[in-house]
């Protein structure tokens, strides 16, 4: 009970706001989050082969610089101003992926480039990953896991007088229910939020937001419809993502047109 009380009190004082205006539970400071991100970055790159020159490298550096500037401009209260931004290109043709860690440490794998096909589509992917970072989704997920584990510990304590087998069965059901009913929808909401933030970031950086639609159509074709049903997945389906992107496209288009006008002005 003391653990649950402590977590409840902490939850009341650990609320912050994401770039979309959503309130989030976050027990972690920005400094701690950035430190963990920097440590993970060094570990993740330790065994990787980096590409440090050539057209693909230059494209990643160019769009990274533009997205970082866009994050600072569009979401000045997100922590993006404090990030120590880095963008690297990893030589791994089999890995179709990109990621961004807290603090702005970002990576693109060469295996992603045949799918993105152009810079605007790559900006949509990297913008999505940056969206996770400036929305502080990693810290929020850790905070929710703490609360969930505390609740399960409390439930276990309340059943201490039950038969052992009955207690195990109930705890297994609670764990499964928490995963399917809480954590997976929570993860999918993070992905949808990162899609939204990433679309606005790339549009504000001067990349055509409509490229994101074609990107997810290609991603859907590449997956072949495989994987679990959406309600058992950590990510929304490609069709769901495309539908949501179309809903918010007018706002993204406005940002894109403003960016084009801004870029045409003499400096």
C-alpha atoms as a PDB file:
ATOM      1  CA  UNK A   1       0.000   0.000   0.000  1.00  0.00           C
ATOM      2  CA  UNK A   2       2.850   2.388   0.772  1.00  0.00           C
ATOM      3  CA  UNK A   3       4.300   1.764  -2.700  1.00  0.00           C
ATOM      4  CA  UNK A   4       0.964   2.525  -4.381  1.00  0.00           C
ATOM      5  CA  UNK A   5       0.527   5.658  -2.254  1.00  0.00           C
ATOM      6  CA  UNK A   6       4.023   6.861  -3.140  1.00  0.00           C
ATOM      7  CA  UNK A   7       3.434   6.237  -6.843  1.00  0.00           C
ATOM      8  CA  UNK A   8       0.084   8.035  -6.700  1.00  0.00           C
ATOM      9  CA  UNK A   9       1.629  11.096  -5.050  1.00  0.00           C
ATOM     10  CA  UNK A  10       4.516  11.064  -7.542  1.00  0.00           C
ATOM     11  CA  UNK A  11       2.086  10.794 -10.457  1.00  0.00           C
ATOM     12  CA  UNK A  12       0.286  13.931  -9.334  1.00  0.00           C
ATOM     13  CA  UNK A  13       3.532  15.912  -9.436  1.00  0.00           C
ATOM     14  CA  UNK A  14       5.104  14.367 -12.549  1.00  0.00           C
ATOM     15  CA  UNK A  15       2.865  15.635 -15.336  1.00  0.00           C
ATOM     16  CA  UNK A  16       4.243  17.373 -18.417  1.00  0.00           C
ATOM     17  CA  UNK A  17       2.862  18.212 -21.842  1.00  0.00           C
ATOM     18  CA  UNK A  18       3.780  16.774 -25.250  1.00  0.00           C
ATOM     19  CA  UNK A  19       4.129  18.904 -28.426  1.00  0.00           C
ATOM     20  CA  UNK A  20       0.528  18.016 -29.330  1.00  0.00           C
ATOM     21  CA  UNK A  21      -0.710  19.406 -26.020  1.00  0.00           C
ATOM     22  CA  UNK A  22      -1.395  16.023 -24.442  1.00  0.00           C
ATOM     23  CA  UNK A  23      -0.670  15.684 -20.714  1.00  0.00           C
ATOM     24  CA  UNK A  24       1.784  12.900 -19.925  1.00  0.00           C
ATOM     25  CA  UNK A  25       3.131  11.156 -16.849  1.00  0.00           C
ATOM     26  CA  UNK A  26       6.908  11.527 -16.630  1.00  0.00           C
ATOM     27  CA  UNK A  27       9.059  10.853 -13.582  1.00  0.00           C
ATOM     28  CA  UNK A  28      12.360  11.502 -15.402  1.00  0.00           C
ATOM     29  CA  UNK A  29      14.185  14.827 -15.698  1.00  0.00           C
ATOM     30  CA  UNK A  30      15.356  16.076 -19.077  1.00  0.00           C
ATOM     31  CA  UNK A  31      18.987  15.883 -17.941  1.00  0.00           C
ATOM     32  CA  UNK A  32      18.651  12.263 -16.865  1.00  0.00           C
ATOM     33  CA  UNK A  33      16.867  11.379 -20.082  1.00  0.00           C
ATOM     34  CA  UNK A  34      19.601  12.982 -22.204  1.00  0.00           C
ATOM     35  CA  UNK A  35      22.319  11.195 -20.226  1.00  0.00           C
ATOM     36  CA  UNK A  36      20.675   7.817 -20.790  1.00  0.00           C
ATOM     37  CA  UNK A  37      20.212   8.661 -24.475  1.00  0.00           C
ATOM     38  CA  UNK A  38      23.898   9.530 -24.896  1.00  0.00           C
ATOM     39  CA  UNK A  39      24.970   6.304 -23.164  1.00  0.00           C
ATOM     40  CA  UNK A  40      22.641   4.194 -25.319  1.00  0.00           C
ATOM     41  CA  UNK A  41      23.877   5.993 -28.449  1.00  0.00           C
ATOM     42  CA  UNK A  42      27.511   5.071 -27.775  1.00  0.00           C
ATOM     43  CA  UNK A  43      26.540   1.455 -27.056  1.00  0.00           C
ATOM     44  CA  UNK A  44      24.368   1.122 -30.161  1.00  0.00           C
ATOM     45  CA  UNK A  45      27.047   2.529 -32.487  1.00  0.00           C
ATOM     46  CA  UNK A  46      29.946   0.584 -30.971  1.00  0.00           C
ATOM     47  CA  UNK A  47      29.567  -2.366 -33.373  1.00  0.00           C
ATOM     48  CA  UNK A  48      28.180  -0.462 -36.372  1.00  0.00           C
ATOM     49  CA  UNK A  49      29.937   0.644 -39.550  1.00  0.00           C
ATOM     50  CA  UNK A  50      29.250   4.310 -40.250  1.00  0.00           C
ATOM     51  CA  UNK A  51      29.192   6.011 -43.633  1.00  0.00           C
ATOM     52  CA  UNK A  52      30.863   9.408 -43.307  1.00  0.00           C
ATOM     53  CA  UNK A  53      30.933  10.735 -46.877  1.00  0.00           C
ATOM     54  CA  UNK A  54      29.065  10.588 -50.171  1.00  0.00           C
ATOM     55  CA  UNK A  55      25.620  11.680 -51.410  1.00  0.00           C
ATOM     56  CA  UNK A  56      23.611   9.509 -48.990  1.00  0.00           C
ATOM     57  CA  UNK A  57      25.600  10.745 -45.998  1.00  0.00           C
ATOM     58  CA  UNK A  58      25.199  14.340 -47.153  1.00  0.00           C
ATOM     59  CA  UNK A  59      21.430  13.836 -47.535  1.00  0.00           C
ATOM     60  CA  UNK A  60      21.135  12.527 -43.957  1.00  0.00           C
ATOM     61  CA  UNK A  61      23.179  15.457 -42.625  1.00  0.00           C
ATOM     62  CA  UNK A  62      21.130  17.960 -44.618  1.00  0.00           C
ATOM     63  CA  UNK A  63      17.723  16.690 -43.564  1.00  0.00           C
ATOM     64  CA  UNK A  64      18.941  16.190 -39.988  1.00  0.00           C
ATOM     65  CA  UNK A  65      20.010  19.821 -39.759  1.00  0.00           C
ATOM     66  CA  UNK A  66      16.693  20.974 -41.197  1.00  0.00           C
ATOM     67  CA  UNK A  67      14.620  18.769 -38.885  1.00  0.00           C
ATOM     68  CA  UNK A  68      16.559  19.856 -35.794  1.00  0.00           C
ATOM     69  CA  UNK A  69      16.007  23.501 -36.740  1.00  0.00           C
ATOM     70  CA  UNK A  70      12.327  22.767 -37.386  1.00  0.00           C
ATOM     71  CA  UNK A  71      11.941  21.144 -33.951  1.00  0.00           C
ATOM     72  CA  UNK A  72      13.468  24.184 -32.245  1.00  0.00           C
ATOM     73  CA  UNK A  73      11.254  26.526 -34.256  1.00  0.00           C
ATOM     74  CA  UNK A  74       7.951  24.640 -34.102  1.00  0.00           C
ATOM     75  CA  UNK A  75       8.194  23.191 -30.587  1.00  0.00           C
ATOM     76  CA  UNK A  76      10.462  25.552 -28.606  1.00  0.00           C
ATOM     77  CA  UNK A  77       9.211  24.244 -25.237  1.00  0.00           C
ATOM     78  CA  UNK A  78       9.806  20.569 -26.031  1.00  0.00           C
ATOM     79  CA  UNK A  79      13.447  20.448 -24.944  1.00  0.00           C
ATOM     80  CA  UNK A  80      14.679  20.478 -28.543  1.00  0.00           C
ATOM     81  CA  UNK A  81      16.694  23.602 -27.755  1.00  0.00           C
ATOM     82  CA  UNK A  82      18.729  21.607 -25.216  1.00  0.00           C
ATOM     83  CA  UNK A  83      19.328  18.576 -27.425  1.00  0.00           C
ATOM     84  CA  UNK A  84      22.842  17.834 -28.668  1.00  0.00           C
ATOM     85  CA  UNK A  85      21.736  16.817 -32.132  1.00  0.00           C
ATOM     86  CA  UNK A  86      23.638  14.198 -34.144  1.00  0.00           C
ATOM     87  CA  UNK A  87      22.600  12.299 -37.276  1.00  0.00           C
ATOM     88  CA  UNK A  88      24.540   9.277 -38.528  1.00  0.00           C
ATOM     89  CA  UNK A  89      24.189   6.890 -41.468  1.00  0.00           C
ATOM     90  CA  UNK A  90      24.793   3.209 -40.633  1.00  0.00           C
ATOM     91  CA  UNK A  91      25.958   0.861 -43.374  1.00  0.00           C
ATOM     92  CA  UNK A  92      23.505  -2.046 -43.045  1.00  0.00           C
ATOM     93  CA  UNK A  93      21.543  -2.841 -46.226  1.00  0.00           C
ATOM     94  CA  UNK A  94      19.408  -5.461 -44.453  1.00  0.00           C
ATOM     95  CA  UNK A  95      18.126  -3.147 -41.730  1.00  0.00           C
ATOM     96  CA  UNK A  96      15.066  -1.125 -42.790  1.00  0.00           C
ATOM     97  CA  UNK A  97      15.016   1.236 -39.853  1.00  0.00           C
ATOM     98  CA  UNK A  98      15.855   4.591 -38.282  1.00  0.00           C
ATOM     99  CA  UNK A  99      15.800   5.756 -34.684  1.00  0.00           C
ATOM    100  CA  UNK A 100      16.161   8.809 -32.468  1.00  0.00           C
ATOM    101  CA  UNK A 101      17.188   8.740 -28.817  1.00  0.00           C
ATOM    102  CA  UNK A 102      16.478  11.277 -26.078  1.00  0.00           C
ATOM    103  CA  UNK A 103      18.770  14.236 -26.557  1.00  0.00           C
ATOM    104  CA  UNK A 104      18.655  14.176 -30.368  1.00  0.00           C
ATOM    105  CA  UNK A 105      20.982  11.260 -31.178  1.00  0.00           C
ATOM    106  CA  UNK A 106      19.607   9.887 -34.460  1.00  0.00           C
ATOM    107  CA  UNK A 107      20.537   7.140 -36.925  1.00  0.00           C
ATOM    108  CA  UNK A 108      19.432   5.977 -40.372  1.00  0.00           C
ATOM    109  CA  UNK A 109      20.263   2.531 -41.771  1.00  0.00           C
ATOM    110  CA  UNK A 110      21.097   2.240 -45.464  1.00  0.00           C
ATOM    111  CA  UNK A 111      18.490  -0.537 -45.781  1.00  0.00           C
ATOM    112  CA  UNK A 112      15.796   2.093 -45.318  1.00  0.00           C
ATOM    113  CA  UNK A 113      16.823   4.179 -48.321  1.00  0.00           C
ATOM    114  CA  UNK A 114      15.443   1.892 -51.078  1.00  0.00           C
ATOM    115  CA  UNK A 115      12.046   2.080 -49.353  1.00  0.00           C
ATOM    116  CA  UNK A 116      12.009   5.828 -48.734  1.00  0.00           C
ATOM    117  CA  UNK A 117      13.386   6.457 -52.277  1.00  0.00           C
ATOM    118  CA  UNK A 118      13.670  10.244 -51.878  1.00  0.00           C
ATOM    119  CA  UNK A 119      14.688  12.864 -49.328  1.00  0.00           C
ATOM    120  CA  UNK A 120      11.158  14.005 -48.494  1.00  0.00           C
ATOM    121  CA  UNK A 121      10.078  10.445 -47.650  1.00  0.00           C
ATOM    122  CA  UNK A 122      13.209   9.909 -45.558  1.00  0.00           C
ATOM    123  CA  UNK A 123      12.441  13.175 -43.763  1.00  0.00           C
ATOM    124  CA  UNK A 124       9.001  11.764 -42.904  1.00  0.00           C
ATOM    125  CA  UNK A 125      10.618   8.711 -41.269  1.00  0.00           C
ATOM    126  CA  UNK A 126      13.321  10.644 -39.406  1.00  0.00           C
ATOM    127  CA  UNK A 127      10.767  13.294 -38.448  1.00  0.00           C
ATOM    128  CA  UNK A 128       8.641  10.532 -36.923  1.00  0.00           C
ATOM    129  CA  UNK A 129      11.608   9.305 -34.864  1.00  0.00           C
ATOM    130  CA  UNK A 130      12.471  12.854 -33.785  1.00  0.00           C
ATOM    131  CA  UNK A 131       8.806  13.197 -32.836  1.00  0.00           C
ATOM    132  CA  UNK A 132       9.245  10.338 -30.352  1.00  0.00           C
ATOM    133  CA  UNK A 133      12.305  12.023 -28.862  1.00  0.00           C
ATOM    134  CA  UNK A 134      10.864  15.514 -28.383  1.00  0.00           C
ATOM    135  CA  UNK A 135       7.590  14.016 -27.105  1.00  0.00           C
ATOM    136  CA  UNK A 136       9.672  12.163 -24.484  1.00  0.00           C
ATOM    137  CA  UNK A 137       7.869   8.909 -25.177  1.00  0.00           C
ATOM    138  CA  UNK A 138      10.641   6.721 -23.773  1.00  0.00           C
ATOM    139  CA  UNK A 139      10.556   8.382 -20.358  1.00  0.00           C
ATOM    140  CA  UNK A 140       6.767   8.358 -20.374  1.00  0.00           C
ATOM    141  CA  UNK A 141       6.709   4.627 -21.127  1.00  0.00           C
ATOM    142  CA  UNK A 142       9.142   3.932 -18.294  1.00  0.00           C
ATOM    143  CA  UNK A 143       6.999   6.021 -15.934  1.00  0.00           C
ATOM    144  CA  UNK A 144       3.823   4.147 -16.854  1.00  0.00           C
ATOM    145  CA  UNK A 145       5.620   0.818 -16.431  1.00  0.00           C
ATOM    146  CA  UNK A 146       6.559   1.865 -12.896  1.00  0.00           C
ATOM    147  CA  UNK A 147       2.930   2.635 -12.076  1.00  0.00           C
ATOM    148  CA  UNK A 148       1.698  -0.590 -13.698  1.00  0.00           C
ATOM    149  CA  UNK A 149       4.252  -2.713 -11.841  1.00  0.00           C
ATOM    150  CA  UNK A 150       3.304  -0.987  -8.617  1.00  0.00           C
ATOM    151  CA  UNK A 151      -0.366  -1.779  -9.252  1.00  0.00           C
ATOM    152  CA  UNK A 152       0.428  -5.445  -9.944  1.00  0.00           C
ATOM    153  CA  UNK A 153       2.510  -5.661  -6.774  1.00  0.00           C
ATOM    154  CA  UNK A 154      -0.415  -4.159  -4.866  1.00  0.00           C
ATOM    155  CA  UNK A 155      -2.814  -6.669  -6.423  1.00  0.00           C
ATOM    156  CA  UNK A 156      -0.517  -9.541  -5.516  1.00  0.00           C
ATOM    157  CA  UNK A 157      -0.309  -8.298  -1.932  1.00  0.00           C
ATOM    158  CA  UNK A 158      -4.106  -8.072  -1.679  1.00  0.00           C
ATOM    159  CA  UNK A 159      -4.366 -11.753  -2.728  1.00  0.00           C
ATOM    160  CA  UNK A 160      -1.765 -13.031  -0.275  1.00  0.00           C
ATOM    161  CA  UNK A 161      -4.310 -15.238   1.523  1.00  0.00           C
ATOM    162  CA  UNK A 162      -5.438 -16.980  -1.687  1.00  0.00           C
ATOM    163  CA  UNK A 163      -4.386 -20.407  -2.877  1.00  0.00           C
ATOM    164  CA  UNK A 164      -1.061 -20.189  -4.794  1.00  0.00           C
ATOM    165  CA  UNK A 165      -2.410 -21.596  -8.071  1.00  0.00           C
ATOM    166  CA  UNK A 166      -5.445 -19.316  -7.972  1.00  0.00           C
ATOM    167  CA  UNK A 167      -3.237 -16.311  -7.255  1.00  0.00           C
ATOM    168  CA  UNK A 168      -0.922 -17.159 -10.186  1.00  0.00           C
ATOM    169  CA  UNK A 169      -3.897 -17.537 -12.541  1.00  0.00           C
ATOM    170  CA  UNK A 170      -5.350 -14.185 -11.533  1.00  0.00           C
ATOM    171  CA  UNK A 171      -1.986 -12.430 -11.806  1.00  0.00           C
ATOM    172  CA  UNK A 172      -1.419 -13.936 -15.270  1.00  0.00           C
ATOM    173  CA  UNK A 173      -4.848 -12.682 -16.377  1.00  0.00           C
ATOM    174  CA  UNK A 174      -4.143  -9.227 -14.941  1.00  0.00           C
ATOM    175  CA  UNK A 175      -0.785  -9.125 -16.719  1.00  0.00           C
ATOM    176  CA  UNK A 176      -2.295 -10.132 -20.056  1.00  0.00           C
ATOM    177  CA  UNK A 177      -5.138  -7.660 -19.625  1.00  0.00           C
ATOM    178  CA  UNK A 178      -2.710  -4.868 -18.820  1.00  0.00           C
ATOM    179  CA  UNK A 179      -0.661  -5.662 -21.915  1.00  0.00           C
ATOM    180  CA  UNK A 180      -3.556  -5.886 -24.404  1.00  0.00           C
ATOM    181  CA  UNK A 181      -5.831  -3.341 -22.747  1.00  0.00           C
ATOM    182  CA  UNK A 182      -3.335  -0.733 -21.590  1.00  0.00           C
ATOM    183  CA  UNK A 183       0.256  -1.002 -22.814  1.00  0.00           C
ATOM    184  CA  UNK A 184      -0.347  -1.913 -26.481  1.00  0.00           C
ATOM    185  CA  UNK A 185      -2.943   0.838 -27.060  1.00  0.00           C
ATOM    186  CA  UNK A 186      -0.592   3.176 -25.184  1.00  0.00           C
ATOM    187  CA  UNK A 187       2.254   2.245 -27.549  1.00  0.00           C
ATOM    188  CA  UNK A 188       0.027   2.723 -30.600  1.00  0.00           C
ATOM    189  CA  UNK A 189      -0.987   6.172 -29.327  1.00  0.00           C
ATOM    190  CA  UNK A 190       2.706   7.080 -29.114  1.00  0.00           C
ATOM    191  CA  UNK A 191       3.208   5.989 -32.714  1.00  0.00           C
ATOM    192  CA  UNK A 192       0.238   8.053 -33.889  1.00  0.00           C
ATOM    193  CA  UNK A 193       1.490  11.077 -31.961  1.00  0.00           C
ATOM    194  CA  UNK A 194       4.971  10.687 -33.461  1.00  0.00           C
ATOM    195  CA  UNK A 195       3.380  10.449 -36.922  1.00  0.00           C
ATOM    196  CA  UNK A 196       1.600  13.760 -36.329  1.00  0.00           C
ATOM    197  CA  UNK A 197       4.572  15.583 -34.826  1.00  0.00           C
ATOM    198  CA  UNK A 198       6.900  14.139 -37.471  1.00  0.00           C
ATOM    199  CA  UNK A 199       4.643  15.214 -40.328  1.00  0.00           C
ATOM    200  CA  UNK A 200       4.539  18.778 -39.021  1.00  0.00           C
ATOM    201  CA  UNK A 201       8.299  18.787 -38.415  1.00  0.00           C
ATOM    202  CA  UNK A 202       9.122  17.679 -41.944  1.00  0.00           C
ATOM    203  CA  UNK A 203       6.608  20.081 -43.476  1.00  0.00           C
ATOM    204  CA  UNK A 204       7.973  22.983 -41.424  1.00  0.00           C
ATOM    205  CA  UNK A 205      11.465  21.969 -42.576  1.00  0.00           C
ATOM    206  CA  UNK A 206      10.371  22.442 -46.198  1.00  0.00           C
ATOM    207  CA  UNK A 207       9.661  18.818 -47.152  1.00  0.00           C
ATOM    208  CA  UNK A 208       6.440  17.956 -49.000  1.00  0.00           C
ATOM    209  CA  UNK A 209       4.247  16.238 -46.350  1.00  0.00           C
ATOM    210  CA  UNK A 210       2.382  14.273 -49.036  1.00  0.00           C
ATOM    211  CA  UNK A 211       5.497  12.127 -49.399  1.00  0.00           C
ATOM    212  CA  UNK A 212       4.499  10.425 -46.128  1.00  0.00           C
ATOM    213  CA  UNK A 213       1.416   8.912 -47.781  1.00  0.00           C
ATOM    214  CA  UNK A 214       3.414   7.218 -50.516  1.00  0.00           C
ATOM    215  CA  UNK A 215       5.964   6.101 -47.945  1.00  0.00           C
ATOM    216  CA  UNK A 216       3.422   4.225 -45.838  1.00  0.00           C
ATOM    217  CA  UNK A 217       1.828   2.746 -48.946  1.00  0.00           C
ATOM    218  CA  UNK A 218       5.252   1.321 -49.855  1.00  0.00           C
ATOM    219  CA  UNK A 219       5.803   0.161 -46.283  1.00  0.00           C
ATOM    220  CA  UNK A 220       2.474  -1.653 -46.372  1.00  0.00           C
ATOM    221  CA  UNK A 221       3.351  -3.301 -49.674  1.00  0.00           C
ATOM    222  CA  UNK A 222       6.764  -4.318 -48.312  1.00  0.00           C
ATOM    223  CA  UNK A 223       5.230  -5.942 -45.229  1.00  0.00           C
ATOM    224  CA  UNK A 224       2.862  -7.995 -47.376  1.00  0.00           C
ATOM    225  CA  UNK A 225       0.125  -7.683 -44.790  1.00  0.00           C
ATOM    226  CA  UNK A 226       2.111  -9.793 -42.329  1.00  0.00           C
ATOM    227  CA  UNK A 227       2.321  -9.334 -38.588  1.00  0.00           C
ATOM    228  CA  UNK A 228      -0.283  -9.519 -35.821  1.00  0.00           C
ATOM    229  CA  UNK A 229      -3.684  -7.798 -35.950  1.00  0.00           C
ATOM    230  CA  UNK A 230      -3.543  -4.140 -34.975  1.00  0.00           C
ATOM    231  CA  UNK A 231      -5.029  -4.690 -31.503  1.00  0.00           C
ATOM    232  CA  UNK A 232      -2.130  -7.039 -30.675  1.00  0.00           C
ATOM    233  CA  UNK A 233       0.525  -4.784 -32.186  1.00  0.00           C
ATOM    234  CA  UNK A 234       2.663  -1.963 -30.804  1.00  0.00           C
ATOM    235  CA  UNK A 235       2.108   0.011 -34.036  1.00  0.00           C
ATOM    236  CA  UNK A 236      -1.007   1.101 -35.938  1.00  0.00           C
ATOM    237  CA  UNK A 237      -1.552  -0.584 -39.283  1.00  0.00           C
ATOM    238  CA  UNK A 238      -0.307   1.173 -42.409  1.00  0.00           C
ATOM    239  CA  UNK A 239      -3.937   1.800 -43.443  1.00  0.00           C
ATOM    240  CA  UNK A 240      -4.717   3.438 -40.088  1.00  0.00           C
ATOM    241  CA  UNK A 241      -1.617   5.600 -40.322  1.00  0.00           C
ATOM    242  CA  UNK A 242      -2.442   6.751 -43.838  1.00  0.00           C
ATOM    243  CA  UNK A 243      -6.017   7.617 -42.832  1.00  0.00           C
ATOM    244  CA  UNK A 244      -4.781   9.691 -39.887  1.00  0.00           C
ATOM    245  CA  UNK A 245      -2.104  11.418 -41.979  1.00  0.00           C
ATOM    246  CA  UNK A 246      -4.740  12.442 -44.512  1.00  0.00           C
ATOM    247  CA  UNK A 247      -6.834  13.962 -41.703  1.00  0.00           C
ATOM    248  CA  UNK A 248      -3.991  16.209 -40.518  1.00  0.00           C
ATOM    249  CA  UNK A 249      -2.551  16.895 -43.979  1.00  0.00           C
ATOM    250  CA  UNK A 250      -4.201  20.356 -44.360  1.00  0.00           C
ATOM    251  CA  UNK A 251      -2.295  21.683 -41.333  1.00  0.00           C
ATOM    252  CA  UNK A 252       0.916  20.116 -42.603  1.00  0.00           C
ATOM    253  CA  UNK A 253       0.349  21.587 -46.034  1.00  0.00           C
ATOM    254  CA  UNK A 254      -0.028  25.048 -44.492  1.00  0.00           C
ATOM    255  CA  UNK A 255       3.295  24.634 -42.671  1.00  0.00           C
ATOM    256  CA  UNK A 256       4.921  23.436 -45.901  1.00  0.00           C
ATOM    257  CA  UNK A 257       3.688  26.410 -47.899  1.00  0.00           C
ATOM    258  CA  UNK A 258       4.901  28.812 -45.199  1.00  0.00           C
ATOM    259  CA  UNK A 259       8.299  27.082 -45.241  1.00  0.00           C
ATOM    260  CA  UNK A 260       8.562  27.474 -49.012  1.00  0.00           C
ATOM    261  CA  UNK A 261       7.699  31.167 -48.748  1.00  0.00           C
ATOM    262  CA  UNK A 262      10.208  31.607 -45.926  1.00  0.00           C
ATOM    263  CA  UNK A 263      12.955  29.879 -47.875  1.00  0.00           C
ATOM    264  CA  UNK A 264      12.372  32.088 -50.944  1.00  0.00           C
ATOM    265  CA  UNK A 265      12.929  35.290 -48.991  1.00  0.00           C
ATOM    266  CA  UNK A 266      16.361  36.876 -49.346  1.00  0.00           C
ATOM    267  CA  UNK A 267      18.533  36.413 -46.282  1.00  0.00           C
END
